[in-house]
């Protein structure tokens, strides 16, 4: 798993998770998630809106986003789906969660010349 940096904005309850030095070529919005990918289709950043509510739904131990100490993530491919596997750590807890995302094979018509 890759270790991501992150910033949490408690006023807007947005969590931005990113890899240092990587640039996004495009993004996909899925509900409360904005997923950024580079030119090799590798995940380089994730924005989670309403992060406190999202964490309450997908994690059982970790409830306070402000207590995060480390976030690791990887894309796992299987069949016609992909998943983002998260590993989230606080000072006292560690938890993993998977979020399914559709595998999009065609590029957006907006990106074609």
PDB file of N, CA and C in Angstrom:
ATOM      1  N   UNK A   1       0.834  -1.180   0.000  1.00  0.00           N
ATOM      2  CA  UNK A   1       0.000   0.000   0.000  1.00  0.00           C
ATOM      3  C   UNK A   1       0.876   1.240   0.000  1.00  0.00           C
ATOM      4  N   UNK A   2       0.393   2.282  -0.659  1.00  0.00           N
ATOM      5  CA  UNK A   2       1.118   3.542  -0.707  1.00  0.00           C
ATOM      6  C   UNK A   2       0.677   4.433   0.446  1.00  0.00           C
ATOM      7  N   UNK A   3       1.649   5.088   1.058  1.00  0.00           N
ATOM      8  CA  UNK A   3       1.345   6.016   2.143  1.00  0.00           C
ATOM      9  C   UNK A   3       1.040   7.384   1.540  1.00  0.00           C
ATOM     10  N   UNK A   4      -0.139   7.909   1.851  1.00  0.00           N
ATOM     11  CA  UNK A   4      -0.585   9.189   1.331  1.00  0.00           C
ATOM     12  C   UNK A   4      -0.469  10.268   2.395  1.00  0.00           C
ATOM     13  N   UNK A   5      -0.218  11.489   1.972  1.00  0.00           N
ATOM     14  CA  UNK A   5      -0.303  12.644   2.860  1.00  0.00           C
ATOM     15  C   UNK A   5      -1.767  13.062   2.909  1.00  0.00           C
ATOM     16  N   UNK A   6      -2.132  13.848   3.896  1.00  0.00           N
ATOM     17  CA  UNK A   6      -3.524  14.284   3.961  1.00  0.00           C
ATOM     18  C   UNK A   6      -3.655  15.593   4.724  1.00  0.00           C
ATOM     19  N   UNK A   7      -4.719  16.313   4.391  1.00  0.00           N
ATOM     20  CA  UNK A   7      -5.111  17.537   5.092  1.00  0.00           C
ATOM     21  C   UNK A   7      -6.596  17.431   5.374  1.00  0.00           C
ATOM     22  N   UNK A   8      -6.983  17.834   6.559  1.00  0.00           N
ATOM     23  CA  UNK A   8      -8.389  17.818   6.944  1.00  0.00           C
ATOM     24  C   UNK A   8      -8.842  19.241   7.251  1.00  0.00           C
ATOM     25  N   UNK A   9      -9.905  19.679   6.603  1.00  0.00           N
ATOM     26  CA  UNK A   9     -10.506  20.980   6.856  1.00  0.00           C
ATOM     27  C   UNK A   9     -11.741  20.750   7.715  1.00  0.00           C
ATOM     28  N   UNK A  10     -11.629  21.039   8.999  1.00  0.00           N
ATOM     29  CA  UNK A  10     -12.732  20.754   9.921  1.00  0.00           C
ATOM     30  C   UNK A  10     -13.942  21.658   9.678  1.00  0.00           C
ATOM     31  N   UNK A  11     -13.721  22.864   9.140  1.00  0.00           N
ATOM     32  CA  UNK A  11     -14.855  23.764   8.858  1.00  0.00           C
ATOM     33  C   UNK A  11     -15.763  23.202   7.777  1.00  0.00           C
ATOM     34  N   UNK A  12     -15.161  22.708   6.697  1.00  0.00           N
ATOM     35  CA  UNK A  12     -15.965  22.157   5.599  1.00  0.00           C
ATOM     36  C   UNK A  12     -16.140  20.645   5.713  1.00  0.00           C
ATOM     37  N   UNK A  13     -15.416  20.003   6.649  1.00  0.00           N
ATOM     38  CA  UNK A  13     -15.426  18.554   6.841  1.00  0.00           C
ATOM     39  C   UNK A  13     -14.973  17.824   5.575  1.00  0.00           C
ATOM     40  N   UNK A  14     -13.946  18.385   4.924  1.00  0.00           N
ATOM     41  CA  UNK A  14     -13.352  17.773   3.742  1.00  0.00           C
ATOM     42  C   UNK A  14     -11.978  17.198   4.090  1.00  0.00           C
ATOM     43  N   UNK A  15     -11.726  15.989   3.615  1.00  0.00           N
ATOM     44  CA  UNK A  15     -10.430  15.342   3.783  1.00  0.00           C
ATOM     45  C   UNK A  15      -9.797  15.222   2.412  1.00  0.00           C
ATOM     46  N   UNK A  16      -8.595  15.769   2.255  1.00  0.00           N
ATOM     47  CA  UNK A  16      -7.872  15.674   0.993  1.00  0.00           C
ATOM     48  C   UNK A  16      -6.664  14.775   1.214  1.00  0.00           C
ATOM     49  N   UNK A  17      -6.599  13.679   0.477  1.00  0.00           N
ATOM     50  CA  UNK A  17      -5.570  12.654   0.601  1.00  0.00           C
ATOM     51  C   UNK A  17      -4.784  12.656  -0.712  1.00  0.00           C
ATOM     52  N   UNK A  18      -3.452  12.762  -0.643  1.00  0.00           N
ATOM     53  CA  UNK A  18      -2.688  12.940  -1.876  1.00  0.00           C
ATOM     54  C   UNK A  18      -1.282  12.355  -1.767  1.00  0.00           C
ATOM     55  N   UNK A  19      -0.701  12.045  -2.927  1.00  0.00           N
ATOM     56  CA  UNK A  19       0.688  11.615  -3.020  1.00  0.00           C
ATOM     57  C   UNK A  19       1.534  12.832  -3.366  1.00  0.00           C
ATOM     58  N   UNK A  20       2.625  13.042  -2.634  1.00  0.00           N
ATOM     59  CA  UNK A  20       3.522  14.163  -2.925  1.00  0.00           C
ATOM     60  C   UNK A  20       4.131  14.033  -4.309  1.00  0.00           C
ATOM     61  N   UNK A  21       4.216  15.136  -5.017  1.00  0.00           N
ATOM     62  CA  UNK A  21       4.901  15.164  -6.301  1.00  0.00           C
ATOM     63  C   UNK A  21       4.137  14.576  -7.461  1.00  0.00           C
ATOM     64  N   UNK A  22       2.923  14.108  -7.264  1.00  0.00           N
ATOM     65  CA  UNK A  22       2.121  13.525  -8.341  1.00  0.00           C
ATOM     66  C   UNK A  22       1.098  14.547  -8.813  1.00  0.00           C
ATOM     67  N   UNK A  23       0.851  14.559 -10.111  1.00  0.00           N
ATOM     68  CA  UNK A  23      -0.110  15.500 -10.681  1.00  0.00           C
ATOM     69  C   UNK A  23      -1.288  14.750 -11.269  1.00  0.00           C
ATOM     70  N   UNK A  24      -2.451  15.325 -11.090  1.00  0.00           N
ATOM     71  CA  UNK A  24      -3.679  14.739 -11.610  1.00  0.00           C
ATOM     72  C   UNK A  24      -3.848  15.089 -13.082  1.00  0.00           C
ATOM     73  N   UNK A  25      -4.217  14.075 -13.859  1.00  0.00           N
ATOM     74  CA  UNK A  25      -4.557  14.306 -15.262  1.00  0.00           C
ATOM     75  C   UNK A  25      -6.068  14.434 -15.410  1.00  0.00           C
ATOM     76  N   UNK A  26      -6.800  13.841 -14.483  1.00  0.00           N
ATOM     77  CA  UNK A  26      -8.257  13.902 -14.536  1.00  0.00           C
ATOM     78  C   UNK A  26      -8.853  13.341 -13.267  1.00  0.00           C
ATOM     79  N   UNK A  27     -10.118  13.663 -13.066  1.00  0.00           N
ATOM     80  CA  UNK A  27     -10.789  13.246 -11.835  1.00  0.00           C
ATOM     81  C   UNK A  27     -12.154  12.657 -12.146  1.00  0.00           C
ATOM     82  N   UNK A  28     -12.601  11.790 -11.251  1.00  0.00           N
ATOM     83  CA  UNK A  28     -13.918  11.186 -11.322  1.00  0.00           C
ATOM     84  C   UNK A  28     -14.610  11.440  -9.993  1.00  0.00           C
ATOM     85  N   UNK A  29     -15.845  11.932 -10.044  1.00  0.00           N
ATOM     86  CA  UNK A  29     -16.601  12.173  -8.821  1.00  0.00           C
ATOM     87  C   UNK A  29     -17.619  11.067  -8.639  1.00  0.00           C
ATOM     88  N   UNK A  30     -17.569  10.421  -7.475  1.00  0.00           N
ATOM     89  CA  UNK A  30     -18.490   9.348  -7.122  1.00  0.00           C
ATOM     90  C   UNK A  30     -19.037   9.634  -5.731  1.00  0.00           C
ATOM     91  N   UNK A  31     -20.221  10.210  -5.665  1.00  0.00           N
ATOM     92  CA  UNK A  31     -20.816  10.541  -4.374  1.00  0.00           C
ATOM     93  C   UNK A  31     -19.952  11.521  -3.611  1.00  0.00           C
ATOM     94  N   UNK A  32     -19.498  11.121  -2.423  1.00  0.00           N
ATOM     95  CA  UNK A  32     -18.664  11.981  -1.582  1.00  0.00           C
ATOM     96  C   UNK A  32     -17.176  11.883  -1.912  1.00  0.00           C
ATOM     97  N   UNK A  33     -16.827  11.176  -2.964  1.00  0.00           N
ATOM     98  CA  UNK A  33     -15.427  10.974  -3.322  1.00  0.00           C
ATOM     99  C   UNK A  33     -15.107  11.629  -4.656  1.00  0.00           C
ATOM    100  N   UNK A  34     -13.980  12.346  -4.694  1.00  0.00           N
ATOM    101  CA  UNK A  34     -13.411  12.822  -5.953  1.00  0.00           C
ATOM    102  C   UNK A  34     -12.060  12.115  -6.069  1.00  0.00           C
ATOM    103  N   UNK A  35     -11.925  11.273  -7.089  1.00  0.00           N
ATOM    104  CA  UNK A  35     -10.725  10.457  -7.276  1.00  0.00           C
ATOM    105  C   UNK A  35      -9.897  11.059  -8.402  1.00  0.00           C
ATOM    106  N   UNK A  36      -8.637  11.355  -8.130  1.00  0.00           N
ATOM    107  CA  UNK A  36      -7.738  11.938  -9.123  1.00  0.00           C
ATOM    108  C   UNK A  36      -6.742  10.884  -9.587  1.00  0.00           C
ATOM    109  N   UNK A  37      -6.534  10.820 -10.904  1.00  0.00           N
ATOM    110  CA  UNK A  37      -5.637   9.840 -11.509  1.00  0.00           C
ATOM    111  C   UNK A  37      -4.590  10.555 -12.349  1.00  0.00           C
ATOM    112  N   UNK A  38      -3.404   9.939 -12.466  1.00  0.00           N
ATOM    113  CA  UNK A  38      -2.362  10.510 -13.305  1.00  0.00           C
ATOM    114  C   UNK A  38      -2.459   9.936 -14.718  1.00  0.00           C
ATOM    115  N   UNK A  39      -1.469  10.215 -15.562  1.00  0.00           N
ATOM    116  CA  UNK A  39      -1.499   9.775 -16.960  1.00  0.00           C
ATOM    117  C   UNK A  39      -1.346   8.265 -17.118  1.00  0.00           C
ATOM    118  N   UNK A  40      -0.954   7.562 -16.058  1.00  0.00           N
ATOM    119  CA  UNK A  40      -0.838   6.104 -16.089  1.00  0.00           C
ATOM    120  C   UNK A  40      -2.041   5.428 -15.435  1.00  0.00           C
ATOM    121  N   UNK A  41      -3.066   6.236 -15.118  1.00  0.00           N
ATOM    122  CA  UNK A  41      -4.289   5.782 -14.463  1.00  0.00           C
ATOM    123  C   UNK A  41      -4.052   5.292 -13.036  1.00  0.00           C
ATOM    124  N   UNK A  42      -2.980   5.792 -12.415  1.00  0.00           N
ATOM    125  CA  UNK A  42      -2.713   5.497 -11.007  1.00  0.00           C
ATOM    126  C   UNK A  42      -3.425   6.532 -10.148  1.00  0.00           C
ATOM    127  N   UNK A  43      -3.941   6.099  -9.028  1.00  0.00           N
ATOM    128  CA  UNK A  43      -4.602   6.993  -8.087  1.00  0.00           C
ATOM    129  C   UNK A  43      -3.559   7.896  -7.437  1.00  0.00           C
ATOM    130  N   UNK A  44      -3.766   9.231  -7.537  1.00  0.00           N
ATOM    131  CA  UNK A  44      -2.804  10.164  -6.956  1.00  0.00           C
ATOM    132  C   UNK A  44      -3.410  11.044  -5.866  1.00  0.00           C
ATOM    133  N   UNK A  45      -4.749  11.138  -5.817  1.00  0.00           N
ATOM    134  CA  UNK A  45      -5.388  11.952  -4.782  1.00  0.00           C
ATOM    135  C   UNK A  45      -6.848  11.552  -4.627  1.00  0.00           C
ATOM    136  N   UNK A  46      -7.365  11.808  -3.434  1.00  0.00           N
ATOM    137  CA  UNK A  46      -8.780  11.556  -3.128  1.00  0.00           C
ATOM    138  C   UNK A  46      -9.266  12.716  -2.271  1.00  0.00           C
ATOM    139  N   UNK A  47     -10.393  13.277  -2.640  1.00  0.00           N
ATOM    140  CA  UNK A  47     -11.053  14.235  -1.771  1.00  0.00           C
ATOM    141  C   UNK A  47     -12.315  13.571  -1.255  1.00  0.00           C
ATOM    142  N   UNK A  48     -12.520  13.625   0.049  1.00  0.00           N
ATOM    143  CA  UNK A  48     -13.719  13.056   0.659  1.00  0.00           C
ATOM    144  C   UNK A  48     -14.494  14.201   1.293  1.00  0.00           C
ATOM    145  N   UNK A  49     -15.667  14.487   0.737  1.00  0.00           N
ATOM    146  CA  UNK A  49     -16.522  15.521   1.311  1.00  0.00           C
ATOM    147  C   UNK A  49     -17.385  14.896   2.395  1.00  0.00           C
ATOM    148  N   UNK A  50     -17.785  15.694   3.362  1.00  0.00           N
ATOM    149  CA  UNK A  50     -18.537  15.184   4.518  1.00  0.00           C
ATOM    150  C   UNK A  50     -17.820  13.982   5.125  1.00  0.00           C
ATOM    151  N   UNK A  51     -16.520  14.134   5.317  1.00  0.00           N
ATOM    152  CA  UNK A  51     -15.654  13.030   5.741  1.00  0.00           C
ATOM    153  C   UNK A  51     -16.118  12.363   7.036  1.00  0.00           C
ATOM    154  N   UNK A  52     -16.608  13.137   7.998  1.00  0.00           N
ATOM    155  CA  UNK A  52     -17.055  12.540   9.265  1.00  0.00           C
ATOM    156  C   UNK A  52     -18.186  11.553   9.047  1.00  0.00           C
ATOM    157  N   UNK A  53     -19.148  11.927   8.213  1.00  0.00           N
ATOM    158  CA  UNK A  53     -20.276  11.037   7.915  1.00  0.00           C
ATOM    159  C   UNK A  53     -19.826   9.812   7.125  1.00  0.00           C
ATOM    160  N   UNK A  54     -18.939  10.020   6.166  1.00  0.00           N
ATOM    161  CA  UNK A  54     -18.423   8.902   5.364  1.00  0.00           C
ATOM    162  C   UNK A  54     -17.692   7.910   6.262  1.00  0.00           C
ATOM    163  N   UNK A  55     -16.839   8.400   7.160  1.00  0.00           N
ATOM    164  CA  UNK A  55     -16.094   7.511   8.044  1.00  0.00           C
ATOM    165  C   UNK A  55     -17.020   6.741   8.968  1.00  0.00           C
ATOM    166  N   UNK A  56     -18.075   7.369   9.435  1.00  0.00           N
ATOM    167  CA  UNK A  56     -19.038   6.661  10.290  1.00  0.00           C
ATOM    168  C   UNK A  56     -19.688   5.494   9.549  1.00  0.00           C
ATOM    169  N   UNK A  57     -19.855   5.628   8.230  1.00  0.00           N
ATOM    170  CA  UNK A  57     -20.496   4.578   7.435  1.00  0.00           C
ATOM    171  C   UNK A  57     -19.540   3.449   7.062  1.00  0.00           C
ATOM    172  N   UNK A  58     -18.265   3.767   6.812  1.00  0.00           N
ATOM    173  CA  UNK A  58     -17.365   2.731   6.299  1.00  0.00           C
ATOM    174  C   UNK A  58     -16.382   2.195   7.343  1.00  0.00           C
ATOM    175  N   UNK A  59     -16.221   2.898   8.458  1.00  0.00           N
ATOM    176  CA  UNK A  59     -15.297   2.457   9.493  1.00  0.00           C
ATOM    177  C   UNK A  59     -16.046   2.289  10.811  1.00  0.00           C
ATOM    178  N   UNK A  60     -15.753   1.229  11.538  1.00  0.00           N
ATOM    179  CA  UNK A  60     -16.458   1.004  12.801  1.00  0.00           C
ATOM    180  C   UNK A  60     -15.693   1.544  14.005  1.00  0.00           C
ATOM    181  N   UNK A  61     -14.354   1.561  13.946  1.00  0.00           N
ATOM    182  CA  UNK A  61     -13.550   1.987  15.089  1.00  0.00           C
ATOM    183  C   UNK A  61     -13.216   3.483  15.061  1.00  0.00           C
ATOM    184  N   UNK A  62     -12.927   3.993  13.879  1.00  0.00           N
ATOM    185  CA  UNK A  62     -12.388   5.352  13.764  1.00  0.00           C
ATOM    186  C   UNK A  62     -13.519   6.309  13.419  1.00  0.00           C
ATOM    187  N   UNK A  63     -13.854   7.160  14.359  1.00  0.00           N
ATOM    188  CA  UNK A  63     -14.983   8.078  14.193  1.00  0.00           C
ATOM    189  C   UNK A  63     -14.550   9.526  14.021  1.00  0.00           C
ATOM    190  N   UNK A  64     -13.420   9.901  14.592  1.00  0.00           N
ATOM    191  CA  UNK A  64     -12.971  11.291  14.548  1.00  0.00           C
ATOM    192  C   UNK A  64     -11.921  11.480  13.460  1.00  0.00           C
ATOM    193  N   UNK A  65     -12.283  12.173  12.395  1.00  0.00           N
ATOM    194  CA  UNK A  65     -11.360  12.405  11.293  1.00  0.00           C
ATOM    195  C   UNK A  65     -10.158  13.213  11.765  1.00  0.00           C
ATOM    196  N   UNK A  66     -10.370  14.091  12.715  1.00  0.00           N
ATOM    197  CA  UNK A  66      -9.277  14.941  13.206  1.00  0.00           C
ATOM    198  C   UNK A  66      -8.196  14.142  13.938  1.00  0.00           C
ATOM    199  N   UNK A  67      -8.462  12.882  14.290  1.00  0.00           N
ATOM    200  CA  UNK A  67      -7.487  12.040  14.991  1.00  0.00           C
ATOM    201  C   UNK A  67      -6.625  11.191  14.060  1.00  0.00           C
ATOM    202  N   UNK A  68      -6.781  11.334  12.759  1.00  0.00           N
ATOM    203  CA  UNK A  68      -6.014  10.517  11.817  1.00  0.00           C
ATOM    204  C   UNK A  68      -4.528  10.799  11.916  1.00  0.00           C
ATOM    205  N   UNK A  69      -3.722   9.744  11.838  1.00  0.00           N
ATOM    206  CA  UNK A  69      -2.266   9.875  11.858  1.00  0.00           C
ATOM    207  C   UNK A  69      -1.627   9.368  10.569  1.00  0.00           C
ATOM    208  N   UNK A  70      -2.281   8.418   9.908  1.00  0.00           N
ATOM    209  CA  UNK A  70      -1.704   7.836   8.693  1.00  0.00           C
ATOM    210  C   UNK A  70      -2.831   7.278   7.825  1.00  0.00           C
ATOM    211  N   UNK A  71      -2.690   7.463   6.510  1.00  0.00           N
ATOM    212  CA  UNK A  71      -3.633   6.878   5.552  1.00  0.00           C
ATOM    213  C   UNK A  71      -2.818   6.206   4.460  1.00  0.00           C
ATOM    214  N   UNK A  72      -3.139   4.957   4.196  1.00  0.00           N
ATOM    215  CA  UNK A  72      -2.534   4.217   3.096  1.00  0.00           C
ATOM    216  C   UNK A  72      -3.657   3.762   2.188  1.00  0.00           C
ATOM    217  N   UNK A  73      -3.375   3.665   0.884  1.00  0.00           N
ATOM    218  CA  UNK A  73      -4.413   3.243  -0.057  1.00  0.00           C
ATOM    219  C   UNK A  73      -3.791   2.558  -1.257  1.00  0.00           C
ATOM    220  N   UNK A  74      -4.564   1.687  -1.871  1.00  0.00           N
ATOM    221  CA  UNK A  74      -4.206   0.993  -3.107  1.00  0.00           C
ATOM    222  C   UNK A  74      -5.465   0.734  -3.904  1.00  0.00           C
ATOM    223  N   UNK A  75      -5.311   0.644  -5.208  1.00  0.00           N
ATOM    224  CA  UNK A  75      -6.396   0.210  -6.078  1.00  0.00           C
ATOM    225  C   UNK A  75      -6.258  -1.288  -6.258  1.00  0.00           C
ATOM    226  N   UNK A  76      -7.345  -2.008  -6.061  1.00  0.00           N
ATOM    227  CA  UNK A  76      -7.379  -3.457  -6.248  1.00  0.00           C
ATOM    228  C   UNK A  76      -8.300  -3.733  -7.427  1.00  0.00           C
ATOM    229  N   UNK A  77      -7.820  -4.454  -8.431  1.00  0.00           N
ATOM    230  CA  UNK A  77      -8.614  -4.783  -9.620  1.00  0.00           C
ATOM    231  C   UNK A  77      -9.161  -6.193  -9.514  1.00  0.00           C
ATOM    232  N   UNK A  78     -10.451  -6.348  -9.852  1.00  0.00           N
ATOM    233  CA  UNK A  78     -11.034  -7.674  -9.945  1.00  0.00           C
ATOM    234  C   UNK A  78     -12.278  -7.602 -10.829  1.00  0.00           C
ATOM    235  N   UNK A  79     -12.431  -8.622 -11.656  1.00  0.00           N
ATOM    236  CA  UNK A  79     -13.540  -8.713 -12.601  1.00  0.00           C
ATOM    237  C   UNK A  79     -13.701  -7.400 -13.341  1.00  0.00           C
ATOM    238  N   UNK A  80     -14.903  -6.842 -13.360  1.00  0.00           N
ATOM    239  CA  UNK A  80     -15.109  -5.570 -14.057  1.00  0.00           C
ATOM    240  C   UNK A  80     -15.221  -4.417 -13.070  1.00  0.00           C
ATOM    241  N   UNK A  81     -14.727  -4.626 -11.865  1.00  0.00           N
ATOM    242  CA  UNK A  81     -14.785  -3.602 -10.826  1.00  0.00           C
ATOM    243  C   UNK A  81     -13.379  -3.354 -10.278  1.00  0.00           C
ATOM    244  N   UNK A  82     -13.251  -2.237  -9.612  1.00  0.00           N
ATOM    245  CA  UNK A  82     -12.039  -1.930  -8.881  1.00  0.00           C
ATOM    246  C   UNK A  82     -12.461  -1.486  -7.495  1.00  0.00           C
ATOM    247  N   UNK A  83     -11.543  -1.545  -6.580  1.00  0.00           N
ATOM    248  CA  UNK A  83     -11.818  -1.077  -5.222  1.00  0.00           C
ATOM    249  C   UNK A  83     -10.622  -0.275  -4.734  1.00  0.00           C
ATOM    250  N   UNK A  84     -10.921   0.697  -3.921  1.00  0.00           N
ATOM    251  CA  UNK A  84      -9.861   1.401  -3.215  1.00  0.00           C
ATOM    252  C   UNK A  84      -9.808   0.777  -1.832  1.00  0.00           C
ATOM    253  N   UNK A  85      -8.662   0.215  -1.509  1.00  0.00           N
ATOM    254  CA  UNK A  85      -8.476  -0.360  -0.176  1.00  0.00           C
ATOM    255  C   UNK A  85      -7.761   0.675   0.672  1.00  0.00           C
ATOM    256  N   UNK A  86      -8.427   1.108   1.754  1.00  0.00           N
ATOM    257  CA  UNK A  86      -7.890   2.094   2.684  1.00  0.00           C
ATOM    258  C   UNK A  86      -7.364   1.408   3.927  1.00  0.00           C
ATOM    259  N   UNK A  87      -6.291   1.922   4.451  1.00  0.00           N
ATOM    260  CA  UNK A  87      -5.830   1.563   5.787  1.00  0.00           C
ATOM    261  C   UNK A  87      -5.682   2.890   6.521  1.00  0.00           C
ATOM    262  N   UNK A  88      -6.427   3.050   7.600  1.00  0.00           N
ATOM    263  CA  UNK A  88      -6.485   4.305   8.341  1.00  0.00           C
ATOM    264  C   UNK A  88      -6.003   4.049   9.763  1.00  0.00           C
ATOM    265  N   UNK A  89      -5.113   4.910  10.256  1.00  0.00           N
ATOM    266  CA  UNK A  89      -4.564   4.752  11.600  1.00  0.00           C
ATOM    267  C   UNK A  89      -4.739   6.016  12.419  1.00  0.00           C
ATOM    268  N   UNK A  90      -5.036   5.823  13.688  1.00  0.00           N
ATOM    269  CA  UNK A  90      -4.974   6.884  14.689  1.00  0.00           C
ATOM    270  C   UNK A  90      -3.914   6.452  15.698  1.00  0.00           C
ATOM    271  N   UNK A  91      -3.760   7.184  16.780  1.00  0.00           N
ATOM    272  CA  UNK A  91      -2.791   6.785  17.807  1.00  0.00           C
ATOM    273  C   UNK A  91      -3.160   5.454  18.459  1.00  0.00           C
ATOM    274  N   UNK A  92      -4.464   5.143  18.485  1.00  0.00           N
ATOM    275  CA  UNK A  92      -4.895   3.947  19.222  1.00  0.00           C
ATOM    276  C   UNK A  92      -5.573   2.875  18.370  1.00  0.00           C
ATOM    277  N   UNK A  93      -5.965   3.190  17.132  1.00  0.00           N
ATOM    278  CA  UNK A  93      -6.692   2.227  16.305  1.00  0.00           C
ATOM    279  C   UNK A  93      -6.136   2.138  14.903  1.00  0.00           C
ATOM    280  N   UNK A  94      -6.413   1.000  14.272  1.00  0.00           N
ATOM    281  CA  UNK A  94      -6.083   0.769  12.872  1.00  0.00           C
ATOM    282  C   UNK A  94      -7.272   0.064  12.253  1.00  0.00           C
ATOM    283  N   UNK A  95      -7.643   0.498  11.042  1.00  0.00           N
ATOM    284  CA  UNK A  95      -8.797  -0.121  10.395  1.00  0.00           C
ATOM    285  C   UNK A  95      -8.630  -0.055   8.885  1.00  0.00           C
ATOM    286  N   UNK A  96      -9.178  -1.060   8.196  1.00  0.00           N
ATOM    287  CA  UNK A  96      -9.181  -1.058   6.742  1.00  0.00           C
ATOM    288  C   UNK A  96     -10.619  -1.056   6.234  1.00  0.00           C
ATOM    289  N   UNK A  97     -10.792  -0.517   5.044  1.00  0.00           N
ATOM    290  CA  UNK A  97     -12.101  -0.491   4.396  1.00  0.00           C
ATOM    291  C   UNK A  97     -11.888  -0.528   2.895  1.00  0.00           C
ATOM    292  N   UNK A  98     -12.841  -1.096   2.183  1.00  0.00           N
ATOM    293  CA  UNK A  98     -12.812  -1.134   0.721  1.00  0.00           C
ATOM    294  C   UNK A  98     -13.977  -0.333   0.179  1.00  0.00           C
ATOM    295  N   UNK A  99     -13.706   0.448  -0.854  1.00  0.00           N
ATOM    296  CA  UNK A  99     -14.749   1.214  -1.522  1.00  0.00           C
ATOM    297  C   UNK A  99     -14.739   0.799  -2.986  1.00  0.00           C
ATOM    298  N   UNK A 100     -15.837   0.209  -3.443  1.00  0.00           N
ATOM    299  CA  UNK A 100     -15.931  -0.235  -4.831  1.00  0.00           C
ATOM    300  C   UNK A 100     -16.122   0.948  -5.759  1.00  0.00           C
ATOM    301  N   UNK A 101     -15.418   0.905  -6.901  1.00  0.00           N
ATOM    302  CA  UNK A 101     -15.597   1.917  -7.936  1.00  0.00           C
ATOM    303  C   UNK A 101     -15.738   1.200  -9.271  1.00  0.00           C
ATOM    304  N   UNK A 102     -16.551   1.728 -10.179  1.00  0.00           N
ATOM    305  CA  UNK A 102     -16.701   1.070 -11.480  1.00  0.00           C
ATOM    306  C   UNK A 102     -15.426   1.202 -12.296  1.00  0.00           C
ATOM    307  N   UNK A 103     -15.160   0.211 -13.107  1.00  0.00           N
ATOM    308  CA  UNK A 103     -14.012   0.251 -14.017  1.00  0.00           C
ATOM    309  C   UNK A 103     -14.485   0.900 -15.314  1.00  0.00           C
ATOM    310  N   UNK A 104     -13.985   2.081 -15.582  1.00  0.00           N
ATOM    311  CA  UNK A 104     -14.407   2.830 -16.771  1.00  0.00           C
ATOM    312  C   UNK A 104     -13.371   2.596 -17.857  1.00  0.00           C
ATOM    313  N   UNK A 105     -13.792   1.986 -18.955  1.00  0.00           N
ATOM    314  CA  UNK A 105     -12.877   1.625 -20.019  1.00  0.00           C
ATOM    315  C   UNK A 105     -12.793   2.690 -21.112  1.00  0.00           C
ATOM    316  N   UNK A 106     -13.815   3.509 -21.254  1.00  0.00           N
ATOM    317  CA  UNK A 106     -13.819   4.511 -22.317  1.00  0.00           C
ATOM    318  C   UNK A 106     -13.514   5.875 -21.742  1.00  0.00           C
ATOM    319  N   UNK A 107     -12.752   6.664 -22.512  1.00  0.00           N
ATOM    320  CA  UNK A 107     -12.430   8.011 -22.081  1.00  0.00           C
ATOM    321  C   UNK A 107     -13.636   8.913 -22.279  1.00  0.00           C
ATOM    322  N   UNK A 108     -13.711   9.944 -21.488  1.00  0.00           N
ATOM    323  CA  UNK A 108     -14.783  10.911 -21.579  1.00  0.00           C
ATOM    324  C   UNK A 108     -14.730  11.621 -22.927  1.00  0.00           C
ATOM    325  N   UNK A 109     -15.888  11.842 -23.577  1.00  0.00           N
ATOM    326  CA  UNK A 109     -15.889  12.581 -24.841  1.00  0.00           C
ATOM    327  C   UNK A 109     -15.403  14.012 -24.668  1.00  0.00           C
ATOM    328  N   UNK A 110     -15.456  14.528 -23.476  1.00  0.00           N
ATOM    329  CA  UNK A 110     -14.980  15.878 -23.202  1.00  0.00           C
ATOM    330  C   UNK A 110     -13.460  15.950 -23.392  1.00  0.00           C
ATOM    331  N   UNK A 111     -12.767  14.844 -23.136  1.00  0.00           N
ATOM    332  CA  UNK A 111     -11.312  14.830 -23.229  1.00  0.00           C
ATOM    333  C   UNK A 111     -10.790  14.559 -24.632  1.00  0.00           C
ATOM    334  N   UNK A 112     -11.648  14.184 -25.566  1.00  0.00           N
ATOM    335  CA  UNK A 112     -11.195  13.917 -26.926  1.00  0.00           C
ATOM    336  C   UNK A 112     -11.054  15.210 -27.696  1.00  0.00           C
ATOM    337  N   UNK A 113     -10.157  15.229 -28.632  1.00  0.00           N
ATOM    338  CA  UNK A 113      -9.895  16.436 -29.430  1.00  0.00           C
ATOM    339  C   UNK A 113     -10.792  16.499 -30.629  1.00  0.00           C
TER     340      UNK A 113
END
